[in-house]
Amino acid sequence: MADKMLSLNIQLDNLLCGSVNIMKQEALAIGMEVAAHKMCVCGKIEKSSAILIGNRKKIAQLVKRLEKQKAYFEFEQIIEEIKKYL
């Protein structure tokens, strides 16, 4: 029960916008949010920071979804960084 009650905000810096956009889509699909620079969506900037907003359970679900896409962008490093907080 505590995994659903505790809200986490995790900031990840210097990410490629492509990986941020995929992460945002996956997060929205499971009921989370990823905040990023507004120009990241349209590709006008190359890199951005992102803030994951969710509880431990949702963030663990996001990690499982991202593990399926380890070969793309920089998801392996992103997954390792997120796991430090779980």
PDB file of N, CA and C in Angstrom:
ATOM      1  N   MET A   1       0.821  -1.188   0.000  1.00  0.00           N
ATOM      2  CA  MET A   1       0.000   0.000   0.000  1.00  0.00           C
ATOM      3  C   MET A   1       0.870   1.259   0.000  1.00  0.00           C
ATOM      4  N   ALA A   2       1.997   1.219   0.704  1.00  0.00           N
ATOM      5  CA  ALA A   2       2.864   2.395   0.798  1.00  0.00           C
ATOM      6  C   ALA A   2       3.434   2.776  -0.566  1.00  0.00           C
ATOM      7  N   ASP A   3       3.619   1.797  -1.446  1.00  0.00           N
ATOM      8  CA  ASP A   3       4.152   2.088  -2.779  1.00  0.00           C
ATOM      9  C   ASP A   3       3.221   2.982  -3.585  1.00  0.00           C
ATOM     10  N   LYS A   4       1.930   2.953  -3.274  1.00  0.00           N
ATOM     11  CA  LYS A   4       0.970   3.787  -4.003  1.00  0.00           C
ATOM     12  C   LYS A   4       0.739   5.131  -3.332  1.00  0.00           C
ATOM     13  N   MET A   5       1.139   5.253  -2.074  1.00  0.00           N
ATOM     14  CA  MET A   5       0.858   6.474  -1.331  1.00  0.00           C
ATOM     15  C   MET A   5       1.988   7.496  -1.418  1.00  0.00           C
ATOM     16  N   LEU A   6       3.190   7.042  -1.594  1.00  0.00           N
ATOM     17  CA  LEU A   6       4.347   7.929  -1.586  1.00  0.00           C
ATOM     18  C   LEU A   6       4.622   8.452  -2.986  1.00  0.00           C
ATOM     19  N   SER A   7       4.535   9.742  -3.157  1.00  0.00           N
ATOM     20  CA  SER A   7       4.789  10.355  -4.454  1.00  0.00           C
ATOM     21  C   SER A   7       6.278  10.635  -4.611  1.00  0.00           C
ATOM     22  N   LEU A   8       6.802  10.333  -5.795  1.00  0.00           N
ATOM     23  CA  LEU A   8       8.213  10.578  -6.099  1.00  0.00           C
ATOM     24  C   LEU A   8       8.324  11.519  -7.284  1.00  0.00           C
ATOM     25  N   ASN A   9       9.268  12.420  -7.211  1.00  0.00           N
ATOM     26  CA  ASN A   9       9.632  13.278  -8.331  1.00  0.00           C
ATOM     27  C   ASN A   9      11.109  13.052  -8.584  1.00  0.00           C
ATOM     28  N   ILE A  10      11.439  12.523  -9.748  1.00  0.00           N
ATOM     29  CA  ILE A  10      12.822  12.198 -10.080  1.00  0.00           C
ATOM     30  C   ILE A  10      13.254  13.048 -11.263  1.00  0.00           C
ATOM     31  N   GLN A  11      14.321  13.822 -11.074  1.00  0.00           N
ATOM     32  CA  GLN A  11      14.832  14.658 -12.163  1.00  0.00           C
ATOM     33  C   GLN A  11      15.985  13.938 -12.850  1.00  0.00           C
ATOM     34  N   LEU A  12      15.874  13.836 -14.165  1.00  0.00           N
ATOM     35  CA  LEU A  12      16.922  13.253 -15.003  1.00  0.00           C
ATOM     36  C   LEU A  12      17.419  14.354 -15.934  1.00  0.00           C
ATOM     37  N   ASP A  13      18.719  14.542 -16.001  1.00  0.00           N
ATOM     38  CA  ASP A  13      19.275  15.649 -16.775  1.00  0.00           C
ATOM     39  C   ASP A  13      19.972  15.171 -18.041  1.00  0.00           C
ATOM     40  N   ASN A  14      20.060  16.083 -19.009  1.00  0.00           N
ATOM     41  CA  ASN A  14      20.843  15.891 -20.227  1.00  0.00           C
ATOM     42  C   ASN A  14      20.397  14.670 -21.037  1.00  0.00           C
ATOM     43  N   LEU A  15      19.097  14.544 -21.265  1.00  0.00           N
ATOM     44  CA  LEU A  15      18.538  13.422 -22.017  1.00  0.00           C
ATOM     45  C   LEU A  15      18.235  13.840 -23.448  1.00  0.00           C
ATOM     46  N   LEU A  16      18.377  12.927 -24.379  1.00  0.00           N
ATOM     47  CA  LEU A  16      17.966  13.190 -25.756  1.00  0.00           C
ATOM     48  C   LEU A  16      16.447  13.363 -25.788  1.00  0.00           C
ATOM     49  N   CYS A  17      15.980  14.306 -26.597  1.00  0.00           N
ATOM     50  CA  CYS A  17      14.542  14.574 -26.646  1.00  0.00           C
ATOM     51  C   CYS A  17      13.736  13.376 -27.152  1.00  0.00           C
ATOM     52  N   GLY A  18      14.323  12.580 -28.020  1.00  0.00           N
ATOM     53  CA  GLY A  18      13.620  11.375 -28.477  1.00  0.00           C
ATOM     54  C   GLY A  18      13.316  10.431 -27.333  1.00  0.00           C
ATOM     55  N   SER A  19      14.287  10.230 -26.442  1.00  0.00           N
ATOM     56  CA  SER A  19      14.058   9.342 -25.300  1.00  0.00           C
ATOM     57  C   SER A  19      13.070   9.967 -24.315  1.00  0.00           C
ATOM     58  N   VAL A  20      13.099  11.287 -24.165  1.00  0.00           N
ATOM     59  CA  VAL A  20      12.146  11.963 -23.285  1.00  0.00           C
ATOM     60  C   VAL A  20      10.724  11.793 -23.821  1.00  0.00           C
ATOM     61  N   ASN A  21      10.551  11.941 -25.126  1.00  0.00           N
ATOM     62  CA  ASN A  21       9.213  11.803 -25.720  1.00  0.00           C
ATOM     63  C   ASN A  21       8.672  10.389 -25.575  1.00  0.00           C
ATOM     64  N   ILE A  22       9.515   9.382 -25.803  1.00  0.00           N
ATOM     65  CA  ILE A  22       9.073   7.989 -25.636  1.00  0.00           C
ATOM     66  C   ILE A  22       8.736   7.727 -24.178  1.00  0.00           C
ATOM     67  N   MET A  23       9.585   8.229 -23.264  1.00  0.00           N
ATOM     68  CA  MET A  23       9.336   8.044 -21.843  1.00  0.00           C
ATOM     69  C   MET A  23       8.015   8.697 -21.441  1.00  0.00           C
ATOM     70  N   LYS A  24       7.738   9.864 -21.994  1.00  0.00           N
ATOM     71  CA  LYS A  24       6.485  10.566 -21.691  1.00  0.00           C
ATOM     72  C   LYS A  24       5.281   9.767 -22.175  1.00  0.00           C
ATOM     73  N   GLN A  25       5.353   9.206 -23.379  1.00  0.00           N
ATOM     74  CA  GLN A  25       4.252   8.395 -23.902  1.00  0.00           C
ATOM     75  C   GLN A  25       4.007   7.164 -23.033  1.00  0.00           C
ATOM     76  N   GLU A  26       5.086   6.494 -22.665  1.00  0.00           N
ATOM     77  CA  GLU A  26       4.953   5.298 -21.826  1.00  0.00           C
ATOM     78  C   GLU A  26       4.399   5.661 -20.444  1.00  0.00           C
ATOM     79  N   ALA A  27       4.844   6.780 -19.901  1.00  0.00           N
ATOM     80  CA  ALA A  27       4.371   7.209 -18.581  1.00  0.00           C
ATOM     81  C   ALA A  27       2.886   7.553 -18.612  1.00  0.00           C
ATOM     82  N   LEU A  28       2.464   8.277 -19.620  1.00  0.00           N
ATOM     83  CA  LEU A  28       1.045   8.639 -19.728  1.00  0.00           C
ATOM     84  C   LEU A  28       0.159   7.402 -19.868  1.00  0.00           C
ATOM     85  N   ALA A  29       0.675   6.379 -20.540  1.00  0.00           N
ATOM     86  CA  ALA A  29      -0.093   5.144 -20.737  1.00  0.00           C
ATOM     87  C   ALA A  29      -0.377   4.421 -19.426  1.00  0.00           C
ATOM     88  N   ILE A  30       0.457   4.636 -18.412  1.00  0.00           N
ATOM     89  CA  ILE A  30       0.246   3.952 -17.132  1.00  0.00           C
ATOM     90  C   ILE A  30      -0.226   4.907 -16.027  1.00  0.00           C
ATOM     91  N   GLY A  31      -0.524   6.147 -16.385  1.00  0.00           N
ATOM     92  CA  GLY A  31      -1.069   7.080 -15.406  1.00  0.00           C
ATOM     93  C   GLY A  31      -0.044   7.926 -14.687  1.00  0.00           C
ATOM     94  N   MET A  32       1.127   8.106 -15.277  1.00  0.00           N
ATOM     95  CA  MET A  32       2.171   8.965 -14.709  1.00  0.00           C
ATOM     96  C   MET A  32       2.296  10.228 -15.540  1.00  0.00           C
ATOM     97  N   GLU A  33       3.226  11.066 -15.155  1.00  0.00           N
ATOM     98  CA  GLU A  33       3.529  12.266 -15.925  1.00  0.00           C
ATOM     99  C   GLU A  33       5.031  12.437 -16.014  1.00  0.00           C
ATOM    100  N   VAL A  34       5.480  12.953 -17.145  1.00  0.00           N
ATOM    101  CA  VAL A  34       6.873  13.341 -17.331  1.00  0.00           C
ATOM    102  C   VAL A  34       6.868  14.790 -17.797  1.00  0.00           C
ATOM    103  N   ALA A  35       7.492  15.650 -17.014  1.00  0.00           N
ATOM    104  CA  ALA A  35       7.586  17.058 -17.378  1.00  0.00           C
ATOM    105  C   ALA A  35       8.914  17.292 -18.080  1.00  0.00           C
ATOM    106  N   ALA A  36       8.867  17.991 -19.215  1.00  0.00           N
ATOM    107  CA  ALA A  36      10.078  18.288 -19.981  1.00  0.00           C
ATOM    108  C   ALA A  36       9.936  19.662 -20.615  1.00  0.00           C
ATOM    109  N   HIS A  37      11.009  20.133 -21.205  1.00  0.00           N
ATOM    110  CA  HIS A  37      11.002  21.430 -21.878  1.00  0.00           C
ATOM    111  C   HIS A  37       9.974  21.408 -23.008  1.00  0.00           C
ATOM    112  N   LYS A  38       9.255  22.501 -23.193  1.00  0.00           N
ATOM    113  CA  LYS A  38       8.185  22.523 -24.192  1.00  0.00           C
ATOM    114  C   LYS A  38       8.699  22.365 -25.617  1.00  0.00           C
ATOM    115  N   MET A  39       9.930  22.719 -25.892  1.00  0.00           N
ATOM    116  CA  MET A  39      10.488  22.578 -27.244  1.00  0.00           C
ATOM    117  C   MET A  39      10.969  21.158 -27.530  1.00  0.00           C
ATOM    118  N   CYS A  40      10.967  20.331 -26.518  1.00  0.00           N
ATOM    119  CA  CYS A  40      11.400  18.941 -26.687  1.00  0.00           C
ATOM    120  C   CYS A  40      10.409  18.160 -27.549  1.00  0.00           C
ATOM    121  N   VAL A  41       9.143  18.463 -27.423  1.00  0.00           N
ATOM    122  CA  VAL A  41       8.096  17.753 -28.162  1.00  0.00           C
ATOM    123  C   VAL A  41       8.233  17.958 -29.664  1.00  0.00           C
ATOM    124  N   CYS A  42       8.534  19.182 -30.075  1.00  0.00           N
ATOM    125  CA  CYS A  42       8.612  19.472 -31.509  1.00  0.00           C
ATOM    126  C   CYS A  42      10.022  19.292 -32.065  1.00  0.00           C
ATOM    127  N   GLY A  43      10.979  18.922 -31.245  1.00  0.00           N
ATOM    128  CA  GLY A  43      12.326  18.631 -31.714  1.00  0.00           C
ATOM    129  C   GLY A  43      13.186  19.852 -31.993  1.00  0.00           C
ATOM    130  N   LYS A  44      12.840  20.997 -31.447  1.00  0.00           N
ATOM    131  CA  LYS A  44      13.619  22.217 -31.686  1.00  0.00           C
ATOM    132  C   LYS A  44      14.876  22.282 -30.829  1.00  0.00           C
ATOM    133  N   ILE A  45      14.942  21.437 -29.817  1.00  0.00           N
ATOM    134  CA  ILE A  45      16.161  21.326 -29.021  1.00  0.00           C
ATOM    135  C   ILE A  45      16.612  19.877 -29.046  1.00  0.00           C
ATOM    136  N   GLU A  46      17.888  19.655 -28.808  1.00  0.00           N
ATOM    137  CA  GLU A  46      18.430  18.295 -28.890  1.00  0.00           C
ATOM    138  C   GLU A  46      18.333  17.538 -27.572  1.00  0.00           C
ATOM    139  N   LYS A  47      18.580  18.249 -26.464  1.00  0.00           N
ATOM    140  CA  LYS A  47      18.584  17.605 -25.150  1.00  0.00           C
ATOM    141  C   LYS A  47      17.738  18.399 -24.170  1.00  0.00           C
ATOM    142  N   SER A  48      17.274  17.701 -23.148  1.00  0.00           N
ATOM    143  CA  SER A  48      16.427  18.334 -22.147  1.00  0.00           C
ATOM    144  C   SER A  48      16.536  17.569 -20.831  1.00  0.00           C
ATOM    145  N   SER A  49      16.143  18.214 -19.762  1.00  0.00           N
ATOM    146  CA  SER A  49      15.951  17.532 -18.489  1.00  0.00           C
ATOM    147  C   SER A  49      14.511  17.038 -18.457  1.00  0.00           C
ATOM    148  N   ALA A  50      14.257  16.063 -17.624  1.00  0.00           N
ATOM    149  CA  ALA A  50      12.895  15.548 -17.470  1.00  0.00           C
ATOM    150  C   ALA A  50      12.650  15.256 -16.000  1.00  0.00           C
ATOM    151  N   ILE A  51      11.423  15.457 -15.572  1.00  0.00           N
ATOM    152  CA  ILE A  51      11.034  15.141 -14.202  1.00  0.00           C
ATOM    153  C   ILE A  51       9.946  14.082 -14.257  1.00  0.00           C
ATOM    154  N   LEU A  52      10.223  12.929 -13.674  1.00  0.00           N
ATOM    155  CA  LEU A  52       9.230  11.855 -13.577  1.00  0.00           C
ATOM    156  C   LEU A  52       8.375  12.134 -12.352  1.00  0.00           C
ATOM    157  N   ILE A  53       7.065  12.089 -12.527  1.00  0.00           N
ATOM    158  CA  ILE A  53       6.144  12.369 -11.435  1.00  0.00           C
ATOM    159  C   ILE A  53       5.208  11.176 -11.286  1.00  0.00           C
ATOM    160  N   GLY A  54       5.319  10.484 -10.158  1.00  0.00           N
ATOM    161  CA  GLY A  54       4.477   9.312  -9.928  1.00  0.00           C
ATOM    162  C   GLY A  54       4.810   8.655  -8.604  1.00  0.00           C
ATOM    163  N   ASN A  55       4.155   7.570  -8.320  1.00  0.00           N
ATOM    164  CA  ASN A  55       4.472   6.836  -7.103  1.00  0.00           C
ATOM    165  C   ASN A  55       5.425   5.685  -7.427  1.00  0.00           C
ATOM    166  N   ARG A  56       5.910   5.006  -6.395  1.00  0.00           N
ATOM    167  CA  ARG A  56       6.889   3.929  -6.600  1.00  0.00           C
ATOM    168  C   ARG A  56       6.358   2.833  -7.520  1.00  0.00           C
ATOM    169  N   LYS A  57       5.106   2.481  -7.358  1.00  0.00           N
ATOM    170  CA  LYS A  57       4.518   1.412  -8.160  1.00  0.00           C
ATOM    171  C   LYS A  57       4.501   1.791  -9.639  1.00  0.00           C
ATOM    172  N   LYS A  58       4.069   3.006  -9.948  1.00  0.00           N
ATOM    173  CA  LYS A  58       4.002   3.457 -11.344  1.00  0.00           C
ATOM    174  C   LYS A  58       5.398   3.603 -11.944  1.00  0.00           C
ATOM    175  N   ILE A  59       6.343   4.094 -11.154  1.00  0.00           N
ATOM    176  CA  ILE A  59       7.700   4.249 -11.664  1.00  0.00           C
ATOM    177  C   ILE A  59       8.317   2.881 -11.936  1.00  0.00           C
ATOM    178  N   ALA A  60       8.036   1.897 -11.100  1.00  0.00           N
ATOM    179  CA  ALA A  60       8.513   0.529 -11.351  1.00  0.00           C
ATOM    180  C   ALA A  60       7.891  -0.024 -12.634  1.00  0.00           C
ATOM    181  N   GLN A  61       6.615   0.279 -12.879  1.00  0.00           N
ATOM    182  CA  GLN A  61       5.969  -0.143 -14.129  1.00  0.00           C
ATOM    183  C   GLN A  61       6.628   0.523 -15.328  1.00  0.00           C
ATOM    184  N   LEU A  62       6.979   1.798 -15.185  1.00  0.00           N
ATOM    185  CA  LEU A  62       7.647   2.513 -16.266  1.00  0.00           C
ATOM    186  C   LEU A  62       9.000   1.884 -16.574  1.00  0.00           C
ATOM    187  N   VAL A  63       9.733   1.513 -15.543  1.00  0.00           N
ATOM    188  CA  VAL A  63      11.034   0.862 -15.739  1.00  0.00           C
ATOM    189  C   VAL A  63      10.864  -0.431 -16.534  1.00  0.00           C
ATOM    190  N   LYS A  64       9.850  -1.223 -16.203  1.00  0.00           N
ATOM    191  CA  LYS A  64       9.601  -2.473 -16.941  1.00  0.00           C
ATOM    192  C   LYS A  64       9.304  -2.204 -18.411  1.00  0.00           C
ATOM    193  N   ARG A  65       8.545  -1.141 -18.683  1.00  0.00           N
ATOM    194  CA  ARG A  65       8.236  -0.787 -20.073  1.00  0.00           C
ATOM    195  C   ARG A  65       9.482  -0.310 -20.814  1.00  0.00           C
ATOM    196  N   LEU A  66      10.311   0.450 -20.137  1.00  0.00           N
ATOM    197  CA  LEU A  66      11.526   0.965 -20.776  1.00  0.00           C
ATOM    198  C   LEU A  66      12.565  -0.138 -21.000  1.00  0.00           C
ATOM    199  N   GLU A  67      12.551  -1.150 -20.149  1.00  0.00           N
ATOM    200  CA  GLU A  67      13.488  -2.264 -20.325  1.00  0.00           C
ATOM    201  C   GLU A  67      13.258  -2.995 -21.645  1.00  0.00           C
ATOM    202  N   LYS A  68      12.051  -2.945 -22.161  1.00  0.00           N
ATOM    203  CA  LYS A  68      11.757  -3.562 -23.452  1.00  0.00           C
ATOM    204  C   LYS A  68      12.374  -2.781 -24.605  1.00  0.00           C
ATOM    205  N   GLN A  69      12.800  -1.554 -24.333  1.00  0.00           N
ATOM    206  CA  GLN A  69      13.340  -0.683 -25.371  1.00  0.00           C
ATOM    207  C   GLN A  69      14.793  -0.294 -25.084  1.00  0.00           C
ATOM    208  N   LYS A  70      15.509  -1.144 -24.357  1.00  0.00           N
ATOM    209  CA  LYS A  70      16.880  -0.842 -23.957  1.00  0.00           C
ATOM    210  C   LYS A  70      17.804  -0.514 -25.125  1.00  0.00           C
ATOM    211  N   ALA A  71      17.545  -1.095 -26.275  1.00  0.00           N
ATOM    212  CA  ALA A  71      18.430  -0.922 -27.424  1.00  0.00           C
ATOM    213  C   ALA A  71      18.327   0.465 -28.042  1.00  0.00           C
ATOM    214  N   TYR A  72      17.300   1.196 -27.713  1.00  0.00           N
ATOM    215  CA  TYR A  72      17.069   2.503 -28.334  1.00  0.00           C
ATOM    216  C   TYR A  72      17.544   3.633 -27.443  1.00  0.00           C
ATOM    217  N   PHE A  73      17.977   4.704 -28.079  1.00  0.00           N
ATOM    218  CA  PHE A  73      18.406   5.925 -27.406  1.00  0.00           C
ATOM    219  C   PHE A  73      19.348   5.588 -26.254  1.00  0.00           C
ATOM    220  N   GLU A  74      19.045   6.030 -25.065  1.00  0.00           N
ATOM    221  CA  GLU A  74      19.925   5.855 -23.903  1.00  0.00           C
ATOM    222  C   GLU A  74      19.169   5.211 -22.736  1.00  0.00           C
ATOM    223  N   PHE A  75      18.217   4.360 -23.059  1.00  0.00           N
ATOM    224  CA  PHE A  75      17.345   3.834 -22.012  1.00  0.00           C
ATOM    225  C   PHE A  75      18.074   2.994 -20.973  1.00  0.00           C
ATOM    226  N   GLU A  76      19.156   2.360 -21.337  1.00  0.00           N
ATOM    227  CA  GLU A  76      19.882   1.550 -20.357  1.00  0.00           C
ATOM    228  C   GLU A  76      20.401   2.429 -19.215  1.00  0.00           C
ATOM    229  N   GLN A  77      20.976   3.583 -19.562  1.00  0.00           N
ATOM    230  CA  GLN A  77      21.466   4.508 -18.535  1.00  0.00           C
ATOM    231  C   GLN A  77      20.313   5.129 -17.750  1.00  0.00           C
ATOM    232  N   ILE A  78      19.230   5.439 -18.443  1.00  0.00           N
ATOM    233  CA  ILE A  78      18.061   6.033 -17.779  1.00  0.00           C
ATOM    234  C   ILE A  78      17.488   5.054 -16.759  1.00  0.00           C
ATOM    235  N   ILE A  79      17.368   3.796 -17.141  1.00  0.00           N
ATOM    236  CA  ILE A  79      16.829   2.769 -16.238  1.00  0.00           C
ATOM    237  C   ILE A  79      17.699   2.644 -14.996  1.00  0.00           C
ATOM    238  N   GLU A  80      19.014   2.621 -15.171  1.00  0.00           N
ATOM    239  CA  GLU A  80      19.921   2.512 -14.023  1.00  0.00           C
ATOM    240  C   GLU A  80      19.769   3.710 -13.092  1.00  0.00           C
ATOM    241  N   GLU A  81      19.621   4.887 -13.653  1.00  0.00           N
ATOM    242  CA  GLU A  81      19.450   6.101 -12.838  1.00  0.00           C
ATOM    243  C   GLU A  81      18.129   6.044 -12.069  1.00  0.00           C
ATOM    244  N   ILE A  82      17.052   5.632 -12.709  1.00  0.00           N
ATOM    245  CA  ILE A  82      15.748   5.558 -12.025  1.00  0.00           C
ATOM    246  C   ILE A  82      15.771   4.517 -10.911  1.00  0.00           C
ATOM    247  N   LYS A  83      16.431   3.391 -11.157  1.00  0.00           N
ATOM    248  CA  LYS A  83      16.450   2.309 -10.167  1.00  0.00           C
ATOM    249  C   LYS A  83      17.137   2.727  -8.862  1.00  0.00           C
ATOM    250  N   LYS A  84      17.975   3.736  -8.916  1.00  0.00           N
ATOM    251  CA  LYS A  84      18.633   4.232  -7.684  1.00  0.00           C
ATOM    252  C   LYS A  84      17.602   4.769  -6.689  1.00  0.00           C
ATOM    253  N   TYR A  85      16.457   5.205  -7.187  1.00  0.00           N
ATOM    254  CA  TYR A  85      15.444   5.809  -6.337  1.00  0.00           C
ATOM    255  C   TYR A  85      14.363   4.829  -5.878  1.00  0.00           C
ATOM    256  N   LEU A  86      14.363   3.631  -6.414  1.00  0.00           N
ATOM    257  CA  LEU A  86      13.328   2.656  -6.042  1.00  0.00           C
ATOM    258  C   LEU A  86      13.749   1.754  -4.916  1.00  0.00           C
TER     259      LEU A  86
END
